[in-house]
Amino acid sequence: MARFEEADARLFKNVWVCMRCSAKNRNSAGAKPRKCRKCGSKRLRLKHKTKKA
């Protein structure tokens, strides 16, 4: 199944993952959220993009 730019933007843009509880945190402003919505941790990373085969 081929992905297109709109789908990639919806899946990966402004999506941060907590390194403590693996919760997905979205931020519409484009900036990094201050803390995790679930556990309150400040350790967040961008969601990894899958590699194309």
PDB file of N, CA and C in Angstrom:
ATOM      1  N   MET A   1       0.839  -1.175   0.000  1.00  0.00           N
ATOM      2  CA  MET A   1       0.000   0.000   0.000  1.00  0.00           C
ATOM      3  C   MET A   1       0.887   1.243   0.000  1.00  0.00           C
ATOM      4  N   ALA A   2       0.716   2.062  -0.970  1.00  0.00           N
ATOM      5  CA  ALA A   2       1.539   3.261  -1.110  1.00  0.00           C
ATOM      6  C   ALA A   2       1.012   4.379  -0.216  1.00  0.00           C
ATOM      7  N   ARG A   3       1.956   5.119   0.384  1.00  0.00           N
ATOM      8  CA  ARG A   3       1.561   6.259   1.207  1.00  0.00           C
ATOM      9  C   ARG A   3       1.779   7.537   0.421  1.00  0.00           C
ATOM     10  N   PHE A   4       1.041   8.525   0.754  1.00  0.00           N
ATOM     11  CA  PHE A   4       1.179   9.813   0.090  1.00  0.00           C
ATOM     12  C   PHE A   4       1.448  10.882   1.137  1.00  0.00           C
ATOM     13  N   GLU A   5       1.768  12.083   0.702  1.00  0.00           N
ATOM     14  CA  GLU A   5       2.235  13.127   1.616  1.00  0.00           C
ATOM     15  C   GLU A   5       1.222  13.510   2.680  1.00  0.00           C
ATOM     16  N   GLU A   6      -0.062  13.533   2.327  1.00  0.00           N
ATOM     17  CA  GLU A   6      -1.085  13.895   3.315  1.00  0.00           C
ATOM     18  C   GLU A   6      -1.151  12.853   4.434  1.00  0.00           C
ATOM     19  N   ALA A   7      -1.012  11.589   4.066  1.00  0.00           N
ATOM     20  CA  ALA A   7      -1.044  10.528   5.076  1.00  0.00           C
ATOM     21  C   ALA A   7       0.185  10.603   5.981  1.00  0.00           C
ATOM     22  N   ASP A   8       1.360  10.837   5.392  1.00  0.00           N
ATOM     23  CA  ASP A   8       2.570  10.966   6.202  1.00  0.00           C
ATOM     24  C   ASP A   8       2.471  12.135   7.176  1.00  0.00           C
ATOM     25  N   ALA A   9       1.918  13.242   6.720  1.00  0.00           N
ATOM     26  CA  ALA A   9       1.764  14.401   7.601  1.00  0.00           C
ATOM     27  C   ALA A   9       0.815  14.088   8.751  1.00  0.00           C
ATOM     28  N   ARG A  10      -0.243  13.362   8.469  1.00  0.00           N
ATOM     29  CA  ARG A  10      -1.218  13.022   9.509  1.00  0.00           C
ATOM     30  C   ARG A  10      -0.622  12.040  10.512  1.00  0.00           C
ATOM     31  N   LEU A  11       0.221  11.111  10.045  1.00  0.00           N
ATOM     32  CA  LEU A  11       0.772  10.090  10.928  1.00  0.00           C
ATOM     33  C   LEU A  11       1.979  10.563  11.741  1.00  0.00           C
ATOM     34  N   PHE A  12       2.818  11.423  11.145  1.00  0.00           N
ATOM     35  CA  PHE A  12       4.088  11.725  11.788  1.00  0.00           C
ATOM     36  C   PHE A  12       4.287  13.180  12.179  1.00  0.00           C
ATOM     37  N   LYS A  13       3.576  14.120  11.594  1.00  0.00           N
ATOM     38  CA  LYS A  13       3.826  15.527  11.889  1.00  0.00           C
ATOM     39  C   LYS A  13       3.220  15.894  13.245  1.00  0.00           C
ATOM     40  N   ASN A  14       4.014  16.539  14.064  1.00  0.00           N
ATOM     41  CA  ASN A  14       3.589  16.992  15.401  1.00  0.00           C
ATOM     42  C   ASN A  14       3.167  15.848  16.318  1.00  0.00           C
ATOM     43  N   VAL A  15       3.754  14.661  16.140  1.00  0.00           N
ATOM     44  CA  VAL A  15       3.458  13.537  17.029  1.00  0.00           C
ATOM     45  C   VAL A  15       4.719  13.220  17.823  1.00  0.00           C
ATOM     46  N   TRP A  16       4.609  13.325  19.124  1.00  0.00           N
ATOM     47  CA  TRP A  16       5.715  13.055  20.038  1.00  0.00           C
ATOM     48  C   TRP A  16       5.372  11.825  20.857  1.00  0.00           C
ATOM     49  N   VAL A  17       6.385  11.000  21.160  1.00  0.00           N
ATOM     50  CA  VAL A  17       6.187   9.771  21.916  1.00  0.00           C
ATOM     51  C   VAL A  17       6.946   9.881  23.221  1.00  0.00           C
ATOM     52  N   CYS A  18       6.277   9.541  24.297  1.00  0.00           N
ATOM     53  CA  CYS A  18       6.905   9.553  25.620  1.00  0.00           C
ATOM     54  C   CYS A  18       7.847   8.363  25.730  1.00  0.00           C
ATOM     55  N   MET A  19       9.071   8.609  26.202  1.00  0.00           N
ATOM     56  CA  MET A  19      10.038   7.515  26.333  1.00  0.00           C
ATOM     57  C   MET A  19       9.836   6.732  27.632  1.00  0.00           C
ATOM     58  N   ARG A  20       8.936   7.178  28.454  1.00  0.00           N
ATOM     59  CA  ARG A  20       8.669   6.502  29.710  1.00  0.00           C
ATOM     60  C   ARG A  20       7.468   5.573  29.613  1.00  0.00           C
ATOM     61  N   CYS A  21       6.362   6.074  29.021  1.00  0.00           N
ATOM     62  CA  CYS A  21       5.137   5.260  28.972  1.00  0.00           C
ATOM     63  C   CYS A  21       4.659   4.981  27.542  1.00  0.00           C
ATOM     64  N   SER A  22       5.378   5.473  26.522  1.00  0.00           N
ATOM     65  CA  SER A  22       5.078   5.245  25.101  1.00  0.00           C
ATOM     66  C   SER A  22       3.749   5.839  24.646  1.00  0.00           C
ATOM     67  N   ALA A  23       3.242   6.816  25.356  1.00  0.00           N
ATOM     68  CA  ALA A  23       1.996   7.476  24.940  1.00  0.00           C
ATOM     69  C   ALA A  23       2.300   8.456  23.811  1.00  0.00           C
ATOM     70  N   LYS A  24       1.354   8.571  22.873  1.00  0.00           N
ATOM     71  CA  LYS A  24       1.496   9.533  21.790  1.00  0.00           C
ATOM     72  C   LYS A  24       0.930  10.871  22.236  1.00  0.00           C
ATOM     73  N   ASN A  25       1.696  11.922  22.016  1.00  0.00           N
ATOM     74  CA  ASN A  25       1.290  13.279  22.368  1.00  0.00           C
ATOM     75  C   ASN A  25       1.310  14.110  21.101  1.00  0.00           C
ATOM     76  N   ARG A  26       0.189  14.734  20.771  1.00  0.00           N
ATOM     77  CA  ARG A  26       0.117  15.597  19.594  1.00  0.00           C
ATOM     78  C   ARG A  26       0.123  17.045  20.037  1.00  0.00           C
ATOM     79  N   ASN A  27       0.742  17.880  19.199  1.00  0.00           N
ATOM     80  CA  ASN A  27       0.765  19.304  19.477  1.00  0.00           C
ATOM     81  C   ASN A  27       0.480  20.033  18.178  1.00  0.00           C
ATOM     82  N   SER A  28      -0.652  20.715  18.115  1.00  0.00           N
ATOM     83  CA  SER A  28      -1.060  21.389  16.885  1.00  0.00           C
ATOM     84  C   SER A  28      -0.212  22.611  16.583  1.00  0.00           C
ATOM     85  N   ALA A  29       0.453  23.185  17.588  1.00  0.00           N
ATOM     86  CA  ALA A  29       1.252  24.386  17.376  1.00  0.00           C
ATOM     87  C   ALA A  29       2.567  24.078  16.671  1.00  0.00           C
ATOM     88  N   GLY A  30       2.966  22.816  16.632  1.00  0.00           N
ATOM     89  CA  GLY A  30       4.205  22.442  15.979  1.00  0.00           C
ATOM     90  C   GLY A  30       5.402  22.402  16.904  1.00  0.00           C
ATOM     91  N   ALA A  31       5.265  22.937  18.099  1.00  0.00           N
ATOM     92  CA  ALA A  31       6.367  22.929  19.062  1.00  0.00           C
ATOM     93  C   ALA A  31       6.296  21.653  19.908  1.00  0.00           C
ATOM     94  N   LYS A  32       7.393  21.354  20.561  1.00  0.00           N
ATOM     95  CA  LYS A  32       7.435  20.178  21.426  1.00  0.00           C
ATOM     96  C   LYS A  32       6.550  20.407  22.648  1.00  0.00           C
ATOM     97  N   PRO A  33       5.699  19.425  22.992  1.00  0.00           N
ATOM     98  CA  PRO A  33       4.890  19.578  24.205  1.00  0.00           C
ATOM     99  C   PRO A  33       5.791  19.644  25.444  1.00  0.00           C
ATOM    100  N   ARG A  34       5.331  20.315  26.483  1.00  0.00           N
ATOM    101  CA  ARG A  34       6.146  20.463  27.695  1.00  0.00           C
ATOM    102  C   ARG A  34       6.292  19.158  28.458  1.00  0.00           C
ATOM    103  N   LYS A  35       5.188  18.381  28.523  1.00  0.00           N
ATOM    104  CA  LYS A  35       5.230  17.131  29.279  1.00  0.00           C
ATOM    105  C   LYS A  35       4.238  16.138  28.689  1.00  0.00           C
ATOM    106  N   CYS A  36       4.377  14.901  29.082  1.00  0.00           N
ATOM    107  CA  CYS A  36       3.492  13.835  28.623  1.00  0.00           C
ATOM    108  C   CYS A  36       2.102  14.026  29.227  1.00  0.00           C
ATOM    109  N   ARG A  37       1.077  13.794  28.428  1.00  0.00           N
ATOM    110  CA  ARG A  37      -0.294  13.962  28.897  1.00  0.00           C
ATOM    111  C   ARG A  37      -0.704  12.846  29.854  1.00  0.00           C
ATOM    112  N   LYS A  38       0.004  11.715  29.803  1.00  0.00           N
ATOM    113  CA  LYS A  38      -0.391  10.550  30.588  1.00  0.00           C
ATOM    114  C   LYS A  38       0.388  10.426  31.908  1.00  0.00           C
ATOM    115  N   CYS A  39       1.723  10.574  31.830  1.00  0.00           N
ATOM    116  CA  CYS A  39       2.525  10.346  33.033  1.00  0.00           C
ATOM    117  C   CYS A  39       3.241  11.591  33.547  1.00  0.00           C
ATOM    118  N   GLY A  40       3.261  12.673  32.750  1.00  0.00           N
ATOM    119  CA  GLY A  40       3.880  13.909  33.202  1.00  0.00           C
ATOM    120  C   GLY A  40       5.373  13.999  32.964  1.00  0.00           C
ATOM    121  N   SER A  41       5.958  13.016  32.299  1.00  0.00           N
ATOM    122  CA  SER A  41       7.391  13.018  32.033  1.00  0.00           C
ATOM    123  C   SER A  41       7.747  14.082  31.000  1.00  0.00           C
ATOM    124  N   LYS A  42       8.983  14.583  31.072  1.00  0.00           N
ATOM    125  CA  LYS A  42       9.449  15.563  30.094  1.00  0.00           C
ATOM    126  C   LYS A  42      10.296  14.915  29.006  1.00  0.00           C
ATOM    127  N   ARG A  43      10.479  13.605  29.091  1.00  0.00           N
ATOM    128  CA  ARG A  43      11.296  12.881  28.115  1.00  0.00           C
ATOM    129  C   ARG A  43      10.448  12.481  26.909  1.00  0.00           C
ATOM    130  N   LEU A  44      10.432  13.327  25.885  1.00  0.00           N
ATOM    131  CA  LEU A  44       9.642  13.084  24.680  1.00  0.00           C
ATOM    132  C   LEU A  44      10.551  13.061  23.463  1.00  0.00           C
ATOM    133  N   ARG A  45      10.172  12.277  22.460  1.00  0.00           N
ATOM    134  CA  ARG A  45      10.889  12.215  21.198  1.00  0.00           C
ATOM    135  C   ARG A  45       9.885  12.243  20.070  1.00  0.00           C
ATOM    136  N   LEU A  46      10.334  12.602  18.863  1.00  0.00           N
ATOM    137  CA  LEU A  46       9.457  12.557  17.706  1.00  0.00           C
ATOM    138  C   LEU A  46       9.174  11.108  17.343  1.00  0.00           C
ATOM    139  N   LYS A  47       8.013  10.856  16.777  1.00  0.00           N
ATOM    140  CA  LYS A  47       7.660   9.524  16.345  1.00  0.00           C
ATOM    141  C   LYS A  47       8.573   9.129  15.185  1.00  0.00           C
ATOM    142  N   HIS A  48       9.110   7.909  15.235  1.00  0.00           N
ATOM    143  CA  HIS A  48      10.000   7.434  14.177  1.00  0.00           C
ATOM    144  C   HIS A  48       9.206   7.156  12.927  1.00  0.00           C
ATOM    145  N   LYS A  49       9.782   7.523  11.791  1.00  0.00           N
ATOM    146  CA  LYS A  49       9.164   7.219  10.507  1.00  0.00           C
ATOM    147  C   LYS A  49       9.636   5.857  10.051  1.00  0.00           C
ATOM    148  N   THR A  50       8.750   5.091   9.439  1.00  0.00           N
ATOM    149  CA  THR A  50       9.120   3.770   8.954  1.00  0.00           C
ATOM    150  C   THR A  50       9.943   3.906   7.677  1.00  0.00           C
ATOM    151  N   LYS A  51      10.925   3.034   7.513  1.00  0.00           N
ATOM    152  CA  LYS A  51      11.780   3.073   6.341  1.00  0.00           C
ATOM    153  C   LYS A  51      11.069   2.424   5.163  1.00  0.00           C
ATOM    154  N   LYS A  52      11.264   2.990   3.985  1.00  0.00           N
ATOM    155  CA  LYS A  52      10.659   2.410   2.778  1.00  0.00           C
ATOM    156  C   LYS A  52      11.534   1.273   2.279  1.00  0.00           C
ATOM    157  N   ALA A  53      10.891   0.211   1.847  1.00  0.00           N
ATOM    158  CA  ALA A  53      11.640  -0.963   1.385  1.00  0.00           C
ATOM    159  C   ALA A  53      12.099  -0.791  -0.048  1.00  0.00           C
TER     160      ALA A  53
END
